Each structure stands twice: as C-alpha cells, then as structure tokens.
Amino acid sequence: MKDFFDGLKSGIPIGLGYLSVSFTFGIMAVSMGFKWWQAIIISMFTVTSAGQFSGIRTMMYPGHYLEMIISQITINIRYSFMSISLGQKTSERFTKVFRYILGFFMTDEIFAVASSKKTVGVSYFAGLSLIPWIGWTVGTALGALLGNILPESVMSALGLAIYGMFVAIVVPEVKKSRPVFITISASIALSCLFYYAPALKKIPSGFTISICAIVAAALCAYFYPVPENDSDTAGNTGGKYE
C-alpha cells in the first residue's frame, strides 16, 4: 500500500493541472452541441487532451469516421512509444493483464513522472494514475455544467495551467541529468523547426510530436547508452540516468 500512496502523492499535481485543462474541454464540448453527460463520458473513457479536442470537432460532421480514425492515431501514437519505453522499467509483477488495464491511463505527464523512477510497480502506477483520471473527469464535469459563468480571461488562464505543470515535472530532471537536458533541447529545436519551416509546418501536430520524440530519444540513446548490466547504477554517471 505504501507504493500506492506514494503514487497518489505524485499524481496530485498532475490531477490539479488536468482539472483546469479538462474544464476548458467541458465548456467547448457543450458549446459545440454535446450534452454535459456526453462530455463527461468522453473524458472518462479517453483521457487525451489533444485527441478529445480534435475528436469533438470531427464528430460534429457525421460520416467523417475515416478522418477521425486517422487524426486520433496521428495525435495519440506517441502514447505507444511512451508505453514501450516505460515497459523497460516495470517490475516483474507488472504482467500483461496489468499493462492492458493501466496502459489506458498513459499520458505525457504520467509518463514523465513514472519514468523518473528506477522501477515502476503496479501499485505505484495505479496510484499515480488515479488522481489525474479523477481530475480530468471532474474538471470536464465542472466545465460542462458551470463553464458559462466564468469570464473569458479566467478561461484563458486555465488553458495555460497544463504547460506550467509539465515544466515543473521536467525541469528537476533536466537539472540532474545532462542526457535529459540534451534530449529535451533536441526536442525543442526540432519542434521549432517543424513549427516555423514552411515545408514542415503543414505536417499534422500528432506526427510532429512523434517525430520529435523519436529522433531526440534516438540521438540520446546513441550518444548516451545505458548498459543493461549497469542499469542499477543509472544516474551516477554522465551517460546514465533514471
């Protein structure tokens, strides 16, 4: 139970950030014609910010199922890479059944926190995922039911909360590890290139995220490999990190 409660504590900041971001989703869903309960169900069974915002826009035009499938795969494919990466740190008890169930909760922020651990157990990951899932669902409900009473300035501020939360998660790891710093710097540089280069800015954001993540991770893996037999001492040298 200690690991579970440790996960709960680690998930509180993520849950608070999700509360504000999903609040915006709830408002947008209702404004586009969805019932309040439909918005809540979408958040309960999806838990993907960009995917949900893109999905409800596509759902407003019946029959565009192929477009929805392609857009969702493009936006959410990064979670597959995160799961593969984190799977190398899971404990022996983290069997296929648990991976199928708990893999549903994989998000950018949960991955960032879990990957900072040397070993990720079932109890810890379950605790880590619970508060963010509740925050995402409750935030959607509040936005769908109460969003119209808040001023626009407050809504704009709430939309920025998730970015501040993610920075708070990443910065401590950057300070401790040079490879992490280089990986993140490479990701930022590539992201800027895709955003500003005329020939690249037309690529969908989902593909851009995946490409930047894969290239940056591949560069770090090549220049700062972590030998398997030294995995227990990861983080003690410049080329090894948790």
C-alpha atoms as a PDB file:
ATOM      1  CA  MET A   1       0.000   0.000   0.000  1.00  0.00           C
ATOM      2  CA  LYS A   2       2.941   2.334   0.578  1.00  0.00           C
ATOM      3  CA  ASP A   3       3.753   2.330  -3.144  1.00  0.00           C
ATOM      4  CA  PHE A   4       0.121   3.065  -3.945  1.00  0.00           C
ATOM      5  CA  PHE A   5       0.003   6.074  -1.624  1.00  0.00           C
ATOM      6  CA  ASP A   6       3.354   7.281  -2.969  1.00  0.00           C
ATOM      7  CA  GLY A   7       1.784   7.167  -6.421  1.00  0.00           C
ATOM      8  CA  LEU A   8      -1.239   9.097  -5.175  1.00  0.00           C
ATOM      9  CA  LYS A   9       1.006  11.848  -3.817  1.00  0.00           C
ATOM     10  CA  SER A  10       2.947  12.041  -7.080  1.00  0.00           C
ATOM     11  CA  GLY A  11      -0.303  12.246  -9.048  1.00  0.00           C
ATOM     12  CA  ILE A  12      -1.828  15.169  -7.120  1.00  0.00           C
ATOM     13  CA  PRO A  13      -0.032  17.942  -9.107  1.00  0.00           C
ATOM     14  CA  ILE A  14      -0.986  16.233 -12.367  1.00  0.00           C
ATOM     15  CA  GLY A  15      -4.606  15.901 -11.253  1.00  0.00           C
ATOM     16  CA  LEU A  16      -4.786  19.599 -10.371  1.00  0.00           C
ATOM     17  CA  GLY A  17      -3.376  20.536 -13.772  1.00  0.00           C
ATOM     18  CA  TYR A  18      -5.822  18.241 -15.553  1.00  0.00           C
ATOM     19  CA  LEU A  19      -8.686  19.751 -13.577  1.00  0.00           C
ATOM     20  CA  SER A  20      -8.161  23.125 -15.239  1.00  0.00           C
ATOM     21  CA  VAL A  21      -7.454  21.845 -18.747  1.00  0.00           C
ATOM     22  CA  SER A  22     -10.437  19.477 -18.847  1.00  0.00           C
ATOM     23  CA  PHE A  23     -12.588  22.346 -17.554  1.00  0.00           C
ATOM     24  CA  THR A  24     -11.921  24.017 -20.902  1.00  0.00           C
ATOM     25  CA  PHE A  25     -12.807  20.826 -22.750  1.00  0.00           C
ATOM     26  CA  GLY A  26     -16.119  20.571 -20.928  1.00  0.00           C
ATOM     27  CA  ILE A  27     -17.024  24.115 -21.930  1.00  0.00           C
ATOM     28  CA  MET A  28     -16.040  23.572 -25.549  1.00  0.00           C
ATOM     29  CA  ALA A  29     -17.942  20.287 -25.840  1.00  0.00           C
ATOM     30  CA  VAL A  30     -21.185  21.817 -24.545  1.00  0.00           C
ATOM     31  CA  SER A  31     -20.759  24.904 -26.728  1.00  0.00           C
ATOM     32  CA  MET A  32     -20.494  22.618 -29.782  1.00  0.00           C
ATOM     33  CA  GLY A  33     -23.776  20.902 -29.020  1.00  0.00           C
ATOM     34  CA  PHE A  34     -22.801  17.947 -26.823  1.00  0.00           C
ATOM     35  CA  LYS A  35     -24.815  17.150 -23.698  1.00  0.00           C
ATOM     36  CA  TRP A  36     -22.979  17.627 -20.397  1.00  0.00           C
ATOM     37  CA  TRP A  37     -23.069  13.897 -19.690  1.00  0.00           C
ATOM     38  CA  GLN A  38     -21.658  13.114 -23.138  1.00  0.00           C
ATOM     39  CA  ALA A  39     -18.660  15.342 -22.432  1.00  0.00           C
ATOM     40  CA  ILE A  40     -18.062  13.522 -19.142  1.00  0.00           C
ATOM     41  CA  ILE A  41     -18.249  10.089 -20.788  1.00  0.00           C
ATOM     42  CA  ILE A  42     -15.739  11.175 -23.450  1.00  0.00           C
ATOM     43  CA  SER A  43     -13.262  12.231 -20.767  1.00  0.00           C
ATOM     44  CA  MET A  44     -13.825   9.131 -18.643  1.00  0.00           C
ATOM     45  CA  PHE A  45     -13.029   6.749 -21.484  1.00  0.00           C
ATOM     46  CA  THR A  46     -10.457   8.734 -23.479  1.00  0.00           C
ATOM     47  CA  VAL A  47      -8.112  10.814 -21.294  1.00  0.00           C
ATOM     48  CA  THR A  48      -6.254  12.518 -24.116  1.00  0.00           C
ATOM     49  CA  SER A  49      -6.422  16.296 -24.301  1.00  0.00           C
ATOM     50  CA  ALA A  50      -5.432  16.926 -27.926  1.00  0.00           C
ATOM     51  CA  GLY A  51      -7.287  13.823 -29.094  1.00  0.00           C
ATOM     52  CA  GLN A  52     -10.507  14.911 -27.405  1.00  0.00           C
ATOM     53  CA  PHE A  53     -10.385  18.493 -28.682  1.00  0.00           C
ATOM     54  CA  SER A  54      -9.760  17.190 -32.202  1.00  0.00           C
ATOM     55  CA  GLY A  55     -12.316  14.404 -31.869  1.00  0.00           C
ATOM     56  CA  ILE A  56     -15.299  16.543 -30.907  1.00  0.00           C
ATOM     57  CA  ARG A  57     -14.669  18.822 -33.881  1.00  0.00           C
ATOM     58  CA  THR A  58     -14.726  15.843 -36.220  1.00  0.00           C
ATOM     59  CA  MET A  59     -17.796  14.361 -34.523  1.00  0.00           C
ATOM     60  CA  MET A  60     -19.771  17.472 -35.426  1.00  0.00           C
ATOM     61  CA  TYR A  61     -19.702  16.311 -39.057  1.00  0.00           C
ATOM     62  CA  PRO A  62     -21.359  12.853 -39.269  1.00  0.00           C
ATOM     63  CA  GLY A  63     -19.762  10.331 -41.597  1.00  0.00           C
ATOM     64  CA  HIS A  64     -16.178  11.559 -41.241  1.00  0.00           C
ATOM     65  CA  TYR A  65     -15.142   8.376 -39.477  1.00  0.00           C
ATOM     66  CA  LEU A  66     -12.017   7.773 -41.536  1.00  0.00           C
ATOM     67  CA  GLU A  67     -10.827  11.294 -40.808  1.00  0.00           C
ATOM     68  CA  MET A  68     -11.419  10.737 -37.099  1.00  0.00           C
ATOM     69  CA  ILE A  69      -9.513   7.440 -37.090  1.00  0.00           C
ATOM     70  CA  ILE A  70      -6.518   8.946 -38.893  1.00  0.00           C
ATOM     71  CA  SER A  71      -6.425  12.056 -36.722  1.00  0.00           C
ATOM     72  CA  GLN A  72      -6.684  10.090 -33.480  1.00  0.00           C
ATOM     73  CA  ILE A  73      -3.930   7.658 -34.478  1.00  0.00           C
ATOM     74  CA  THR A  74      -1.732  10.574 -35.530  1.00  0.00           C
ATOM     75  CA  ILE A  75      -2.271  12.511 -32.310  1.00  0.00           C
ATOM     76  CA  ASN A  76      -2.123   9.613 -29.860  1.00  0.00           C
ATOM     77  CA  ILE A  77       0.542   7.363 -31.367  1.00  0.00           C
ATOM     78  CA  ARG A  78       3.097   8.892 -29.020  1.00  0.00           C
ATOM     79  CA  TYR A  79       1.499   7.024 -26.123  1.00  0.00           C
ATOM     80  CA  SER A  80       2.588   3.760 -27.726  1.00  0.00           C
ATOM     81  CA  PHE A  81       6.211   4.878 -27.693  1.00  0.00           C
ATOM     82  CA  MET A  82       5.870   6.043 -24.098  1.00  0.00           C
ATOM     83  CA  SER A  83       4.445   2.678 -23.083  1.00  0.00           C
ATOM     84  CA  ILE A  84       7.259   0.802 -24.795  1.00  0.00           C
ATOM     85  CA  SER A  85       9.849   2.981 -23.088  1.00  0.00           C
ATOM     86  CA  LEU A  86       8.262   2.705 -19.645  1.00  0.00           C
ATOM     87  CA  GLY A  87       7.793  -1.043 -20.103  1.00  0.00           C
ATOM     88  CA  GLN A  88      11.562  -1.438 -19.711  1.00  0.00           C
ATOM     89  CA  LYS A  89      11.295  -0.134 -16.133  1.00  0.00           C
ATOM     90  CA  THR A  90       8.290  -2.082 -14.908  1.00  0.00           C
ATOM     91  CA  SER A  91       8.583  -4.656 -12.126  1.00  0.00           C
ATOM     92  CA  GLU A  92       8.115  -8.403 -12.597  1.00  0.00           C
ATOM     93  CA  ARG A  93       4.567  -8.180 -11.202  1.00  0.00           C
ATOM     94  CA  PHE A  94       3.631  -5.750 -13.966  1.00  0.00           C
ATOM     95  CA  THR A  95       2.291  -8.559 -16.149  1.00  0.00           C
ATOM     96  CA  LYS A  96       0.328  -8.297 -19.398  1.00  0.00           C
ATOM     97  CA  VAL A  97      -3.039  -8.036 -17.643  1.00  0.00           C
ATOM     98  CA  PHE A  98      -1.923  -5.021 -15.638  1.00  0.00           C
ATOM     99  CA  ARG A  99      -0.294  -3.469 -18.692  1.00  0.00           C
ATOM    100  CA  TYR A 100      -3.512  -3.754 -20.685  1.00  0.00           C
ATOM    101  CA  ILE A 101      -5.553  -2.168 -17.880  1.00  0.00           C
ATOM    102  CA  LEU A 102      -3.168   0.516 -16.625  1.00  0.00           C
ATOM    103  CA  GLY A 103      -1.881   1.361 -20.100  1.00  0.00           C
ATOM    104  CA  PHE A 104      -5.200   3.139 -20.616  1.00  0.00           C
ATOM    105  CA  PHE A 105      -4.051   5.871 -18.213  1.00  0.00           C
ATOM    106  CA  MET A 106      -0.786   6.669 -20.016  1.00  0.00           C
ATOM    107  CA  THR A 107      -0.386  10.397 -20.642  1.00  0.00           C
ATOM    108  CA  ASP A 108       2.571  12.729 -21.192  1.00  0.00           C
ATOM    109  CA  GLU A 109       2.675  13.849 -17.562  1.00  0.00           C
ATOM    110  CA  ILE A 110       2.144  10.402 -16.041  1.00  0.00           C
ATOM    111  CA  PHE A 111       4.918   9.057 -18.256  1.00  0.00           C
ATOM    112  CA  ALA A 112       7.248  11.886 -17.220  1.00  0.00           C
ATOM    113  CA  VAL A 113       6.736  11.172 -13.511  1.00  0.00           C
ATOM    114  CA  ALA A 114       6.812   7.367 -13.812  1.00  0.00           C
ATOM    115  CA  SER A 115       9.944   7.358 -15.978  1.00  0.00           C
ATOM    116  CA  SER A 116      11.836   9.218 -13.259  1.00  0.00           C
ATOM    117  CA  LYS A 117      11.568   6.077 -11.092  1.00  0.00           C
ATOM    118  CA  LYS A 118      14.189   3.345 -11.285  1.00  0.00           C
ATOM    119  CA  THR A 119      11.491   0.648 -11.170  1.00  0.00           C
ATOM    120  CA  VAL A 120       7.760   1.151 -11.736  1.00  0.00           C
ATOM    121  CA  GLY A 121       5.474  -1.197  -9.815  1.00  0.00           C
ATOM    122  CA  VAL A 122       1.792  -1.934 -10.340  1.00  0.00           C
ATOM    123  CA  SER A 123       0.687  -0.267  -7.101  1.00  0.00           C
ATOM    124  CA  TYR A 124       2.691   2.899  -7.727  1.00  0.00           C
ATOM    125  CA  PHE A 125       1.447   3.317 -11.292  1.00  0.00           C
ATOM    126  CA  ALA A 126      -2.150   2.661 -10.233  1.00  0.00           C
ATOM    127  CA  GLY A 127      -1.887   5.324  -7.543  1.00  0.00           C
ATOM    128  CA  LEU A 128      -0.140   7.723  -9.908  1.00  0.00           C
ATOM    129  CA  SER A 129      -2.914   7.327 -12.497  1.00  0.00           C
ATOM    130  CA  LEU A 130      -5.925   7.594 -10.199  1.00  0.00           C
ATOM    131  CA  ILE A 131      -5.839  11.289  -9.205  1.00  0.00           C
ATOM    132  CA  PRO A 132      -5.144  12.544 -12.766  1.00  0.00           C
ATOM    133  CA  TRP A 133      -8.044  10.454 -14.105  1.00  0.00           C
ATOM    134  CA  ILE A 134     -10.372  11.814 -11.430  1.00  0.00           C
ATOM    135  CA  GLY A 135      -9.122  15.367 -12.055  1.00  0.00           C
ATOM    136  CA  TRP A 136      -9.666  15.015 -15.803  1.00  0.00           C
ATOM    137  CA  THR A 137     -13.199  13.672 -15.360  1.00  0.00           C
ATOM    138  CA  VAL A 138     -14.276  16.086 -12.619  1.00  0.00           C
ATOM    139  CA  GLY A 139     -12.809  19.055 -14.489  1.00  0.00           C
ATOM    140  CA  THR A 140     -14.811  18.128 -17.576  1.00  0.00           C
ATOM    141  CA  ALA A 141     -17.984  17.859 -15.492  1.00  0.00           C
ATOM    142  CA  LEU A 142     -17.395  21.277 -13.903  1.00  0.00           C
ATOM    143  CA  GLY A 143     -16.672  22.870 -17.255  1.00  0.00           C
ATOM    144  CA  ALA A 144     -19.728  21.332 -18.884  1.00  0.00           C
ATOM    145  CA  LEU A 145     -22.041  22.375 -16.050  1.00  0.00           C
ATOM    146  CA  LEU A 146     -20.576  25.680 -14.833  1.00  0.00           C
ATOM    147  CA  GLY A 147     -18.314  26.998 -17.581  1.00  0.00           C
ATOM    148  CA  ASN A 148     -20.628  29.698 -18.840  1.00  0.00           C
ATOM    149  CA  ILE A 149     -20.433  31.663 -15.599  1.00  0.00           C
ATOM    150  CA  LEU A 150     -16.651  32.297 -15.759  1.00  0.00           C
ATOM    151  CA  PRO A 151     -15.127  35.305 -17.575  1.00  0.00           C
ATOM    152  CA  GLU A 152     -13.043  34.732 -20.703  1.00  0.00           C
ATOM    153  CA  SER A 153      -9.830  35.922 -19.006  1.00  0.00           C
ATOM    154  CA  VAL A 154     -10.109  33.160 -16.406  1.00  0.00           C
ATOM    155  CA  MET A 155     -10.685  30.559 -19.114  1.00  0.00           C
ATOM    156  CA  SER A 156      -7.540  31.656 -20.963  1.00  0.00           C
ATOM    157  CA  ALA A 157      -5.507  31.338 -17.760  1.00  0.00           C
ATOM    158  CA  LEU A 158      -6.861  27.845 -17.090  1.00  0.00           C
ATOM    159  CA  GLY A 159      -5.772  26.743 -20.560  1.00  0.00           C
ATOM    160  CA  LEU A 160      -2.130  27.509 -19.702  1.00  0.00           C
ATOM    161  CA  ALA A 161      -2.064  25.511 -16.470  1.00  0.00           C
ATOM    162  CA  ILE A 162      -1.062  22.193 -18.034  1.00  0.00           C
ATOM    163  CA  TYR A 163       2.038  23.707 -19.646  1.00  0.00           C
ATOM    164  CA  GLY A 164       3.251  25.106 -16.335  1.00  0.00           C
ATOM    165  CA  MET A 165       2.649  21.733 -14.725  1.00  0.00           C
ATOM    166  CA  PHE A 166       4.668  19.915 -17.368  1.00  0.00           C
ATOM    167  CA  VAL A 167       7.557  22.358 -16.995  1.00  0.00           C
ATOM    168  CA  ALA A 168       7.527  21.726 -13.236  1.00  0.00           C
ATOM    169  CA  ILE A 169       7.844  17.988 -13.900  1.00  0.00           C
ATOM    170  CA  VAL A 170      10.634  18.206 -16.468  1.00  0.00           C
ATOM    171  CA  VAL A 171      12.909  20.899 -15.016  1.00  0.00           C
ATOM    172  CA  PRO A 172      14.096  18.912 -11.941  1.00  0.00           C
ATOM    173  CA  GLU A 173      15.186  16.042 -14.197  1.00  0.00           C
ATOM    174  CA  VAL A 174      16.982  18.454 -16.522  1.00  0.00           C
ATOM    175  CA  LYS A 175      18.996  19.823 -13.597  1.00  0.00           C
ATOM    176  CA  LYS A 176      20.101  16.339 -12.540  1.00  0.00           C
ATOM    177  CA  SER A 177      20.962  14.780 -15.893  1.00  0.00           C
ATOM    178  CA  ARG A 178      22.908  16.059 -18.867  1.00  0.00           C
ATOM    179  CA  PRO A 179      21.446  13.433 -21.262  1.00  0.00           C
ATOM    180  CA  VAL A 180      17.921  14.514 -20.295  1.00  0.00           C
ATOM    181  CA  PHE A 181      18.869  18.149 -20.906  1.00  0.00           C
ATOM    182  CA  ILE A 182      20.259  17.322 -24.345  1.00  0.00           C
ATOM    183  CA  THR A 183      17.238  15.195 -25.249  1.00  0.00           C
ATOM    184  CA  ILE A 184      14.775  17.920 -24.281  1.00  0.00           C
ATOM    185  CA  SER A 185      16.849  20.588 -26.048  1.00  0.00           C
ATOM    186  CA  ALA A 186      16.874  18.486 -29.221  1.00  0.00           C
ATOM    187  CA  SER A 187      13.109  18.005 -28.958  1.00  0.00           C
ATOM    188  CA  ILE A 188      12.550  21.760 -28.586  1.00  0.00           C
ATOM    189  CA  ALA A 189      14.814  22.531 -31.541  1.00  0.00           C
ATOM    190  CA  LEU A 190      13.043  20.002 -33.748  1.00  0.00           C
ATOM    191  CA  SER A 191       9.628  21.233 -32.636  1.00  0.00           C
ATOM    192  CA  CYS A 192      10.564  24.821 -33.544  1.00  0.00           C
ATOM    193  CA  LEU A 193      11.837  23.612 -36.914  1.00  0.00           C
ATOM    194  CA  PHE A 194       8.525  21.890 -37.670  1.00  0.00           C
ATOM    195  CA  TYR A 195       6.595  24.948 -36.492  1.00  0.00           C
ATOM    196  CA  TYR A 196       8.474  27.639 -38.443  1.00  0.00           C
ATOM    197  CA  ALA A 197       9.828  25.861 -41.550  1.00  0.00           C
ATOM    198  CA  PRO A 198       7.317  26.389 -44.395  1.00  0.00           C
ATOM    199  CA  ALA A 199       7.878  22.912 -45.801  1.00  0.00           C
ATOM    200  CA  LEU A 200       7.367  21.214 -42.424  1.00  0.00           C
ATOM    201  CA  LYS A 201       4.671  23.270 -40.687  1.00  0.00           C
ATOM    202  CA  LYS A 202       1.933  21.569 -42.732  1.00  0.00           C
ATOM    203  CA  ILE A 203       2.669  18.214 -41.084  1.00  0.00           C
ATOM    204  CA  PRO A 204      -0.078  17.330 -38.550  1.00  0.00           C
ATOM    205  CA  SER A 205       0.828  18.073 -34.938  1.00  0.00           C
ATOM    206  CA  GLY A 206       0.447  14.432 -33.923  1.00  0.00           C
ATOM    207  CA  PHE A 207       3.090  13.338 -36.413  1.00  0.00           C
ATOM    208  CA  THR A 208       5.318  16.233 -35.404  1.00  0.00           C
ATOM    209  CA  ILE A 209       5.235  15.218 -31.732  1.00  0.00           C
ATOM    210  CA  SER A 210       6.055  11.612 -32.588  1.00  0.00           C
ATOM    211  CA  ILE A 211       8.900  12.515 -34.954  1.00  0.00           C
ATOM    212  CA  CYS A 212      10.497  14.925 -32.491  1.00  0.00           C
ATOM    213  CA  ALA A 213      10.245  12.413 -29.650  1.00  0.00           C
ATOM    214  CA  ILE A 214      11.677   9.516 -31.661  1.00  0.00           C
ATOM    215  CA  VAL A 215      14.567  11.480 -33.171  1.00  0.00           C
ATOM    216  CA  ALA A 216      15.540  13.123 -29.878  1.00  0.00           C
ATOM    217  CA  ALA A 217      15.320   9.824 -27.983  1.00  0.00           C
ATOM    218  CA  ALA A 218      17.325   8.024 -30.688  1.00  0.00           C
ATOM    219  CA  LEU A 219      20.080  10.652 -30.504  1.00  0.00           C
ATOM    220  CA  CYS A 220      20.255  10.344 -26.728  1.00  0.00           C
ATOM    221  CA  ALA A 221      20.246   6.534 -26.895  1.00  0.00           C
ATOM    222  CA  TYR A 222      23.115   6.613 -29.391  1.00  0.00           C
ATOM    223  CA  PHE A 223      25.339   9.124 -27.599  1.00  0.00           C
ATOM    224  CA  TYR A 224      24.401   8.210 -24.001  1.00  0.00           C
ATOM    225  CA  PRO A 225      23.599   4.478 -23.945  1.00  0.00           C
ATOM    226  CA  VAL A 226      22.726   2.786 -20.664  1.00  0.00           C
ATOM    227  CA  PRO A 227      24.385  -0.665 -20.482  1.00  0.00           C
ATOM    228  CA  GLU A 228      21.928  -3.318 -19.329  1.00  0.00           C
ATOM    229  CA  ASN A 229      24.308  -4.760 -16.748  1.00  0.00           C
ATOM    230  CA  ASP A 230      24.746  -1.291 -15.209  1.00  0.00           C
ATOM    231  CA  SER A 231      21.075  -0.334 -15.091  1.00  0.00           C
ATOM    232  CA  ASP A 232      21.068  -0.417 -11.285  1.00  0.00           C
ATOM    233  CA  THR A 233      23.603   2.396 -11.196  1.00  0.00           C
ATOM    234  CA  ALA A 234      21.787   4.591 -13.744  1.00  0.00           C
ATOM    235  CA  GLY A 235      22.050   8.239 -12.871  1.00  0.00           C
ATOM    236  CA  ASN A 236      25.519   8.048 -11.326  1.00  0.00           C
ATOM    237  CA  THR A 237      27.451   8.941 -14.471  1.00  0.00           C
ATOM    238  CA  GLY A 238      27.014  11.398 -17.278  1.00  0.00           C
ATOM    239  CA  GLY A 239      25.720   8.738 -19.673  1.00  0.00           C
ATOM    240  CA  LYS A 240      23.371   7.025 -17.274  1.00  0.00           C
ATOM    241  CA  TYR A 241      20.181   8.368 -15.814  1.00  0.00           C
ATOM    242  CA  GLU A 242      16.946   7.176 -14.254  1.00  0.00           C
END
